[in-house]
N, C-alpha and C. Protein backbone atom coordinates (compact mmCIF):
# COMPACT_ATOMS: atom_id res chain seq x y z
N MET A 1 10.03 -17.92 -8.84
CA MET A 1 9.16 -17.99 -7.69
C MET A 1 9.12 -19.38 -7.20
N THR A 2 9.15 -19.68 -5.88
CA THR A 2 9.13 -20.98 -5.28
C THR A 2 7.69 -21.36 -4.78
N ASP A 3 7.60 -22.57 -4.44
CA ASP A 3 6.28 -23.03 -3.83
C ASP A 3 6.02 -22.63 -2.47
N HIS A 4 7.07 -22.32 -1.75
CA HIS A 4 6.92 -21.90 -0.37
C HIS A 4 6.77 -20.33 -0.33
N ALA A 5 6.37 -19.79 0.88
CA ALA A 5 6.21 -18.41 0.97
C ALA A 5 7.54 -17.68 1.36
N ASP A 6 7.90 -16.60 0.74
CA ASP A 6 8.98 -15.78 1.19
C ASP A 6 8.42 -14.62 1.89
N LYS A 7 9.05 -14.33 3.07
CA LYS A 7 8.52 -13.28 3.92
C LYS A 7 9.49 -12.21 4.26
N PHE A 8 9.00 -10.94 4.56
CA PHE A 8 9.92 -9.92 4.95
C PHE A 8 9.14 -8.92 5.93
N THR A 9 9.84 -8.15 6.58
CA THR A 9 9.23 -7.10 7.36
C THR A 9 10.20 -5.88 7.25
N HIS A 10 9.46 -4.60 7.08
CA HIS A 10 10.24 -3.42 6.98
C HIS A 10 9.55 -2.41 7.78
N SER A 11 10.24 -1.72 8.72
CA SER A 11 9.68 -0.63 9.55
C SER A 11 10.44 0.58 9.25
N PHE A 12 9.75 1.86 9.37
CA PHE A 12 10.31 3.06 8.98
C PHE A 12 9.56 4.23 9.56
N THR A 13 10.11 5.41 9.60
CA THR A 13 9.42 6.59 10.21
C THR A 13 8.49 7.18 9.10
N ALA A 14 7.34 7.51 9.37
CA ALA A 14 6.31 8.06 8.46
C ALA A 14 6.74 9.49 8.09
N SER A 15 7.44 9.50 7.03
CA SER A 15 7.95 10.83 6.42
C SER A 15 8.04 10.66 4.98
N GLU A 16 8.28 11.72 4.28
CA GLU A 16 8.51 11.65 2.73
C GLU A 16 9.77 10.82 2.48
N LEU A 17 10.83 11.18 3.16
CA LEU A 17 12.02 10.39 2.95
C LEU A 17 11.97 9.09 3.40
N GLY A 18 11.34 8.73 4.62
CA GLY A 18 11.16 7.36 5.04
C GLY A 18 10.32 6.61 3.96
N THR A 19 9.36 7.17 3.41
CA THR A 19 8.51 6.51 2.50
C THR A 19 9.33 6.15 1.21
N ARG A 20 10.12 7.09 0.70
CA ARG A 20 10.86 6.83 -0.52
C ARG A 20 11.86 5.72 -0.23
N ARG A 21 12.57 5.75 0.83
CA ARG A 21 13.53 4.63 1.13
C ARG A 21 12.80 3.31 1.35
N ALA A 22 11.68 3.30 2.05
CA ALA A 22 10.95 2.03 2.24
C ALA A 22 10.48 1.40 0.99
N LEU A 23 9.88 2.37 0.17
CA LEU A 23 9.36 1.72 -1.15
C LEU A 23 10.52 1.10 -2.01
N HIS A 24 11.59 1.85 -2.02
CA HIS A 24 12.78 1.22 -2.73
C HIS A 24 13.21 -0.09 -2.24
N GLU A 25 13.25 -0.17 -0.90
CA GLU A 25 13.82 -1.39 -0.20
C GLU A 25 12.78 -2.49 -0.51
N ILE A 26 11.47 -2.24 -0.31
CA ILE A 26 10.41 -3.27 -0.47
C ILE A 26 10.28 -3.72 -1.93
N VAL A 27 10.35 -2.77 -2.86
CA VAL A 27 10.24 -3.18 -4.25
C VAL A 27 11.44 -4.03 -4.61
N SER A 28 12.64 -3.63 -4.09
CA SER A 28 13.81 -4.56 -4.43
C SER A 28 13.67 -5.86 -3.85
N ARG A 29 13.15 -6.11 -2.69
CA ARG A 29 12.90 -7.41 -2.11
C ARG A 29 11.89 -8.23 -2.96
N ILE A 30 10.77 -7.51 -3.29
CA ILE A 30 9.78 -8.20 -4.07
C ILE A 30 10.34 -8.71 -5.43
N ARG A 31 11.19 -7.93 -6.09
CA ARG A 31 11.73 -8.26 -7.35
C ARG A 31 12.76 -9.58 -7.14
N LYS A 32 13.40 -9.57 -6.03
CA LYS A 32 14.34 -10.62 -5.73
C LYS A 32 13.59 -11.92 -5.51
N PHE A 33 12.32 -11.80 -5.17
CA PHE A 33 11.52 -13.09 -4.94
C PHE A 33 10.97 -13.60 -6.27
N GLY A 34 11.20 -12.95 -7.42
CA GLY A 34 10.88 -13.41 -8.76
C GLY A 34 9.54 -12.94 -9.24
N VAL A 35 8.95 -11.78 -8.62
CA VAL A 35 7.70 -11.22 -9.09
C VAL A 35 8.00 -10.56 -10.38
N ALA A 36 7.13 -10.69 -11.39
CA ALA A 36 7.35 -10.01 -12.75
C ALA A 36 7.33 -8.46 -12.58
N ASP A 37 8.15 -7.86 -13.35
CA ASP A 37 8.39 -6.37 -13.31
C ASP A 37 7.06 -5.61 -13.39
N ASN A 38 6.15 -6.01 -14.38
CA ASN A 38 4.85 -5.21 -14.47
C ASN A 38 4.01 -5.47 -13.23
N GLN A 39 4.08 -6.50 -12.55
CA GLN A 39 3.23 -6.69 -11.33
C GLN A 39 3.92 -6.00 -10.11
N VAL A 40 5.31 -5.93 -10.19
CA VAL A 40 5.93 -5.17 -9.14
C VAL A 40 5.58 -3.72 -9.24
N ASP A 41 5.51 -3.16 -10.47
CA ASP A 41 5.21 -1.80 -10.75
C ASP A 41 3.77 -1.58 -10.27
N ASP A 42 2.71 -2.32 -10.40
CA ASP A 42 1.34 -2.19 -9.87
C ASP A 42 1.43 -2.13 -8.35
N VAL A 43 2.16 -3.11 -7.77
CA VAL A 43 2.22 -3.17 -6.23
C VAL A 43 2.89 -1.88 -5.76
N GLU A 44 3.88 -1.36 -6.37
CA GLU A 44 4.55 -0.17 -5.90
C GLU A 44 3.64 1.09 -5.97
N ILE A 45 2.86 1.12 -7.03
CA ILE A 45 1.93 2.31 -7.19
C ILE A 45 0.94 2.20 -6.04
N ALA A 46 0.23 0.98 -5.74
CA ALA A 46 -0.71 0.95 -4.72
C ALA A 46 -0.13 1.08 -3.34
N LEU A 47 1.04 0.52 -3.14
CA LEU A 47 1.71 0.70 -1.81
C LEU A 47 2.14 2.13 -1.57
N ALA A 48 2.65 2.84 -2.53
CA ALA A 48 2.94 4.30 -2.35
C ALA A 48 1.67 5.02 -2.05
N GLU A 49 0.52 4.82 -2.58
CA GLU A 49 -0.68 5.45 -2.28
C GLU A 49 -1.05 5.21 -0.76
N VAL A 50 -1.02 3.97 -0.41
CA VAL A 50 -1.25 3.55 0.98
C VAL A 50 -0.39 4.35 1.96
N VAL A 51 0.93 4.19 1.78
CA VAL A 51 1.86 4.81 2.70
C VAL A 51 1.72 6.28 2.76
N ASN A 52 1.61 6.89 1.52
CA ASN A 52 1.36 8.36 1.63
C ASN A 52 0.09 8.77 2.33
N ASN A 53 -0.99 7.94 2.26
CA ASN A 53 -2.15 8.27 3.05
C ASN A 53 -1.79 8.21 4.50
N VAL A 54 -1.12 7.24 4.96
CA VAL A 54 -0.71 7.08 6.36
C VAL A 54 0.10 8.33 6.74
N VAL A 55 1.06 8.70 6.00
CA VAL A 55 1.97 9.92 6.33
C VAL A 55 1.09 11.14 6.40
N GLU A 56 0.26 11.41 5.41
CA GLU A 56 -0.58 12.65 5.26
C GLU A 56 -1.84 12.63 6.19
N HIS A 57 -2.46 11.59 6.41
CA HIS A 57 -3.67 11.51 7.08
C HIS A 57 -3.68 10.86 8.46
N ALA A 58 -3.13 9.63 8.54
CA ALA A 58 -3.10 9.00 9.84
C ALA A 58 -2.31 9.68 10.76
N TYR A 59 -1.11 10.21 10.37
CA TYR A 59 -0.29 10.93 11.35
C TYR A 59 -0.48 12.58 11.24
N ALA A 60 -1.55 12.95 10.64
CA ALA A 60 -1.81 14.39 10.54
C ALA A 60 -2.02 14.91 12.03
N ASP A 61 -1.37 16.02 12.25
CA ASP A 61 -1.47 16.74 13.57
C ASP A 61 -0.84 15.86 14.71
N MET A 62 0.15 15.07 14.36
CA MET A 62 0.80 14.21 15.21
C MET A 62 2.28 14.21 14.93
N ALA A 63 3.04 13.84 15.90
CA ALA A 63 4.55 13.65 15.52
C ALA A 63 4.65 12.37 14.57
N PRO A 64 5.53 12.44 13.64
CA PRO A 64 5.69 11.24 12.85
C PRO A 64 5.87 10.04 13.60
N GLY A 65 5.11 9.00 13.37
CA GLY A 65 5.21 7.74 14.00
C GLY A 65 5.89 6.72 13.09
N SER A 66 5.76 5.54 13.48
CA SER A 66 6.37 4.43 12.56
C SER A 66 5.23 3.78 11.71
N ILE A 67 5.81 3.15 10.65
CA ILE A 67 4.91 2.34 9.79
C ILE A 67 5.70 1.04 9.65
N SER A 68 5.03 -0.08 9.73
CA SER A 68 5.57 -1.33 9.60
C SER A 68 4.91 -2.11 8.42
N ILE A 69 5.58 -2.66 7.62
CA ILE A 69 5.12 -3.47 6.48
C ILE A 69 5.54 -4.83 6.46
N ARG A 70 4.62 -5.82 6.60
CA ARG A 70 5.01 -7.22 6.57
C ARG A 70 4.54 -7.82 5.17
N GLY A 71 5.43 -8.53 4.60
CA GLY A 71 4.97 -9.06 3.23
C GLY A 71 5.18 -10.49 3.17
N GLU A 72 4.45 -11.19 2.37
CA GLU A 72 4.50 -12.61 2.05
C GLU A 72 4.20 -12.82 0.73
N VAL A 73 5.15 -13.50 -0.03
CA VAL A 73 5.00 -13.80 -1.39
C VAL A 73 5.07 -15.30 -1.63
N ASP A 74 4.13 -15.92 -2.29
CA ASP A 74 4.22 -17.17 -2.81
C ASP A 74 3.88 -17.16 -4.34
N LYS A 75 3.73 -18.35 -4.99
CA LYS A 75 3.62 -18.26 -6.39
C LYS A 75 2.24 -17.76 -6.95
N HIS A 76 1.32 -17.59 -6.01
CA HIS A 76 -0.05 -17.18 -6.40
C HIS A 76 -0.37 -15.77 -6.00
N ALA A 77 0.20 -15.33 -4.91
CA ALA A 77 -0.23 -13.91 -4.33
C ALA A 77 1.00 -13.32 -3.56
N LEU A 78 0.81 -12.01 -3.40
CA LEU A 78 1.62 -11.14 -2.60
C LEU A 78 0.69 -10.59 -1.54
N ARG A 79 0.96 -10.76 -0.36
CA ARG A 79 0.12 -10.20 0.77
C ARG A 79 0.93 -9.15 1.56
N LEU A 80 0.48 -7.95 1.66
CA LEU A 80 1.06 -6.88 2.42
C LEU A 80 0.23 -6.49 3.67
N GLN A 81 0.84 -6.29 4.78
CA GLN A 81 0.16 -5.86 5.90
C GLN A 81 0.85 -4.60 6.38
N ILE A 82 0.16 -3.49 6.29
CA ILE A 82 0.67 -2.11 6.71
C ILE A 82 0.06 -1.73 8.08
N THR A 83 0.90 -1.43 9.05
CA THR A 83 0.47 -1.14 10.44
C THR A 83 1.00 0.21 10.78
N ASP A 84 0.22 1.06 11.48
CA ASP A 84 0.60 2.30 11.94
C ASP A 84 -0.18 2.56 13.25
N HIS A 85 0.29 3.58 13.92
CA HIS A 85 -0.35 3.94 15.28
C HIS A 85 -1.05 5.33 15.09
N GLY A 86 -1.36 5.72 13.91
CA GLY A 86 -1.97 7.08 13.61
C GLY A 86 -3.47 7.09 13.89
N HIS A 87 -4.06 8.11 13.39
CA HIS A 87 -5.53 8.23 13.51
C HIS A 87 -6.23 7.18 12.72
N PRO A 88 -7.46 6.71 13.07
CA PRO A 88 -8.12 5.66 12.35
C PRO A 88 -8.73 6.28 11.12
N LEU A 89 -9.08 5.35 10.14
CA LEU A 89 -9.76 5.77 9.02
C LEU A 89 -11.12 6.38 9.35
N PRO A 90 -11.65 7.38 8.64
CA PRO A 90 -12.91 7.99 8.92
C PRO A 90 -13.99 6.88 9.11
N GLU A 91 -14.74 7.00 10.10
CA GLU A 91 -15.84 6.08 10.34
C GLU A 91 -15.35 4.61 10.49
N GLY A 92 -14.11 4.44 10.64
CA GLY A 92 -13.53 3.13 10.85
C GLY A 92 -13.63 2.22 9.70
N ARG A 93 -13.82 2.68 8.51
CA ARG A 93 -13.83 1.77 7.40
C ARG A 93 -13.14 2.34 6.22
N LEU A 94 -12.93 1.46 5.18
CA LEU A 94 -12.20 1.84 3.96
C LEU A 94 -13.01 2.80 3.12
N PRO A 95 -12.42 3.78 2.49
CA PRO A 95 -13.09 4.65 1.57
C PRO A 95 -13.61 3.76 0.35
N THR A 96 -14.65 4.27 -0.25
CA THR A 96 -15.29 3.60 -1.40
C THR A 96 -14.32 3.44 -2.57
N GLY A 97 -13.47 4.45 -2.82
CA GLY A 97 -12.47 4.32 -3.86
C GLY A 97 -13.09 4.68 -5.19
N LEU A 98 -14.10 5.47 -5.29
CA LEU A 98 -14.68 5.86 -6.57
C LEU A 98 -13.76 6.96 -7.16
N PRO A 99 -13.62 6.94 -8.51
CA PRO A 99 -12.67 7.90 -9.01
C PRO A 99 -13.24 9.33 -8.91
N ALA A 100 -12.28 10.29 -8.77
CA ALA A 100 -12.73 11.64 -8.71
C ALA A 100 -13.19 12.12 -10.08
N SER A 101 -14.06 13.07 -10.19
CA SER A 101 -14.57 13.42 -11.44
C SER A 101 -13.56 14.36 -12.16
N ILE A 102 -13.37 13.98 -13.43
CA ILE A 102 -12.47 14.70 -14.29
C ILE A 102 -13.20 15.63 -15.33
N ALA A 103 -14.49 15.81 -15.06
CA ALA A 103 -15.23 16.67 -15.93
C ALA A 103 -14.90 18.20 -15.62
N GLY A 104 -14.99 18.99 -16.58
CA GLY A 104 -14.74 20.43 -16.39
C GLY A 104 -13.38 20.85 -16.94
N PRO A 105 -13.13 22.18 -16.74
CA PRO A 105 -11.84 22.67 -17.20
C PRO A 105 -10.65 22.16 -16.50
N ARG A 106 -9.55 21.86 -17.26
CA ARG A 106 -8.36 21.27 -16.73
C ARG A 106 -7.83 22.03 -15.53
N ALA A 107 -7.98 23.42 -15.42
CA ALA A 107 -7.44 24.11 -14.26
C ALA A 107 -8.18 23.90 -13.01
N GLU A 108 -9.53 23.34 -13.22
CA GLU A 108 -10.30 23.06 -12.02
C GLU A 108 -10.29 21.54 -11.59
N LEU A 109 -9.46 20.74 -12.25
CA LEU A 109 -9.37 19.31 -11.91
C LEU A 109 -8.90 19.13 -10.50
N PRO A 110 -9.30 18.11 -9.74
CA PRO A 110 -8.90 17.94 -8.41
C PRO A 110 -7.40 17.54 -8.39
N GLU A 111 -6.74 17.87 -7.41
CA GLU A 111 -5.32 17.55 -7.23
C GLU A 111 -5.21 16.09 -6.66
N GLY A 112 -6.14 15.72 -5.87
CA GLY A 112 -6.25 14.37 -5.22
C GLY A 112 -7.56 13.71 -5.45
N GLY A 113 -7.79 12.73 -4.66
CA GLY A 113 -8.93 11.92 -4.68
C GLY A 113 -8.89 10.71 -5.54
N PHE A 114 -7.79 10.37 -6.01
CA PHE A 114 -7.68 9.25 -6.86
C PHE A 114 -7.06 8.01 -6.15
N GLY A 115 -6.36 8.26 -4.99
CA GLY A 115 -5.69 7.25 -4.27
C GLY A 115 -6.34 5.84 -4.08
N TRP A 116 -7.58 5.86 -3.40
CA TRP A 116 -8.19 4.67 -3.08
C TRP A 116 -8.75 3.95 -4.37
N TYR A 117 -9.04 4.72 -5.35
CA TYR A 117 -9.48 4.10 -6.62
C TYR A 117 -8.24 3.33 -7.27
N ILE A 118 -7.07 3.90 -7.17
CA ILE A 118 -5.87 3.23 -7.67
C ILE A 118 -5.58 1.97 -6.80
N ILE A 119 -5.62 2.16 -5.53
CA ILE A 119 -5.35 0.97 -4.63
C ILE A 119 -6.32 -0.11 -4.97
N ARG A 120 -7.64 0.11 -5.06
CA ARG A 120 -8.61 -0.88 -5.28
C ARG A 120 -8.42 -1.43 -6.76
N THR A 121 -7.96 -0.69 -7.67
CA THR A 121 -7.72 -1.20 -9.01
C THR A 121 -6.66 -2.32 -8.97
N PHE A 122 -5.66 -2.13 -8.26
CA PHE A 122 -4.50 -3.09 -8.33
C PHE A 122 -4.64 -4.29 -7.33
N ALA A 123 -5.17 -4.02 -6.16
CA ALA A 123 -5.26 -5.07 -5.12
C ALA A 123 -6.53 -5.88 -5.29
N ARG A 124 -6.41 -7.24 -5.24
CA ARG A 124 -7.63 -8.09 -5.39
C ARG A 124 -8.45 -7.98 -4.07
N ASP A 125 -7.77 -7.88 -2.91
CA ASP A 125 -8.62 -7.92 -1.70
C ASP A 125 -7.91 -6.89 -0.72
N ILE A 126 -8.78 -6.27 0.07
CA ILE A 126 -8.33 -5.17 0.96
C ILE A 126 -9.18 -5.26 2.23
N HIS A 127 -8.41 -5.39 3.37
CA HIS A 127 -9.06 -5.40 4.68
C HIS A 127 -8.56 -4.39 5.66
N TYR A 128 -9.40 -3.72 6.42
CA TYR A 128 -8.91 -2.78 7.39
C TYR A 128 -9.38 -3.15 8.74
N LEU A 129 -8.49 -3.05 9.71
CA LEU A 129 -8.87 -3.34 11.15
C LEU A 129 -8.17 -2.31 12.08
N ARG A 130 -9.01 -1.71 12.99
CA ARG A 130 -8.43 -0.89 14.01
C ARG A 130 -8.45 -1.70 15.34
N LYS A 131 -7.22 -1.97 15.89
CA LYS A 131 -7.28 -2.74 17.10
C LYS A 131 -6.06 -2.27 17.99
N ASN A 132 -6.39 -2.08 19.20
CA ASN A 132 -5.43 -1.67 20.18
C ASN A 132 -4.65 -0.48 19.80
N GLY A 133 -5.37 0.61 19.32
CA GLY A 133 -4.66 1.83 18.86
C GLY A 133 -3.93 1.75 17.58
N ARG A 134 -4.03 0.67 16.83
CA ARG A 134 -3.26 0.50 15.61
C ARG A 134 -4.20 0.29 14.44
N ASN A 135 -3.76 0.90 13.25
CA ASN A 135 -4.44 0.58 12.04
C ASN A 135 -3.67 -0.54 11.34
N GLN A 136 -4.47 -1.51 10.86
CA GLN A 136 -3.88 -2.75 10.11
C GLN A 136 -4.63 -2.81 8.84
N LEU A 137 -3.88 -2.56 7.73
CA LEU A 137 -4.34 -2.63 6.43
C LEU A 137 -3.79 -3.85 5.65
N GLN A 138 -4.58 -4.78 5.22
CA GLN A 138 -4.05 -5.93 4.51
C GLN A 138 -4.42 -5.81 3.04
N LEU A 139 -3.41 -5.93 2.13
CA LEU A 139 -3.61 -5.85 0.77
C LEU A 139 -3.17 -7.27 0.14
N THR A 140 -3.94 -7.75 -0.81
CA THR A 140 -3.56 -8.94 -1.50
C THR A 140 -3.59 -8.79 -3.01
N PHE A 141 -2.47 -9.06 -3.58
CA PHE A 141 -2.32 -8.93 -5.05
C PHE A 141 -2.12 -10.38 -5.65
N ASP A 142 -2.95 -10.63 -6.65
CA ASP A 142 -2.73 -11.80 -7.51
C ASP A 142 -1.45 -11.79 -8.25
N LEU A 143 -0.75 -12.85 -8.25
CA LEU A 143 0.50 -12.95 -9.02
C LEU A 143 0.31 -13.98 -10.22
N ILE A 144 0.77 -13.68 -11.34
CA ILE A 144 0.76 -14.65 -12.43
C ILE A 144 2.15 -15.21 -12.54
N PRO A 145 2.26 -16.52 -12.29
CA PRO A 145 3.53 -17.12 -12.36
C PRO A 145 4.25 -16.98 -13.69
N PRO A 146 5.59 -16.81 -13.77
CA PRO A 146 6.19 -16.73 -15.06
C PRO A 146 6.06 -18.07 -15.82
N ALA A 147 5.97 -17.98 -17.18
CA ALA A 147 5.90 -19.12 -17.98
C ALA A 147 7.20 -19.92 -17.94
N ASP A 148 6.99 -21.24 -17.88
CA ASP A 148 8.13 -22.15 -17.83
C ASP A 148 8.84 -22.28 -19.08
């Protein structure tokens, strides 16, 4: 990893296939910047949750739109800005991200409800802004530089 920031931008159509391809491309770029594999794995999990939320919820009842991801990596942090033109988050703010209850019989466990908990577990800082018909979500992940 270098002292200066490495940057990238990736745009794609909000779909299952678009998401898979984008995650593969973005993860490959982050690895090339020298981010440790275990940290890349955490980022991939959180980013997959965010992008799947955009596909399933922001663009619900709409034609698939675009998602743009801008990234910046330096030796201390990875910052990702995810932008879409879908529906805003409910009440215009981030969900609390409390884990779904896993009490009760296995057959009755919820299928979802873990996404924002996972995102908040891996990202140090999360900001949401709705501006000019666009959702902008900024995630910051702390990076531990490799030992010399």
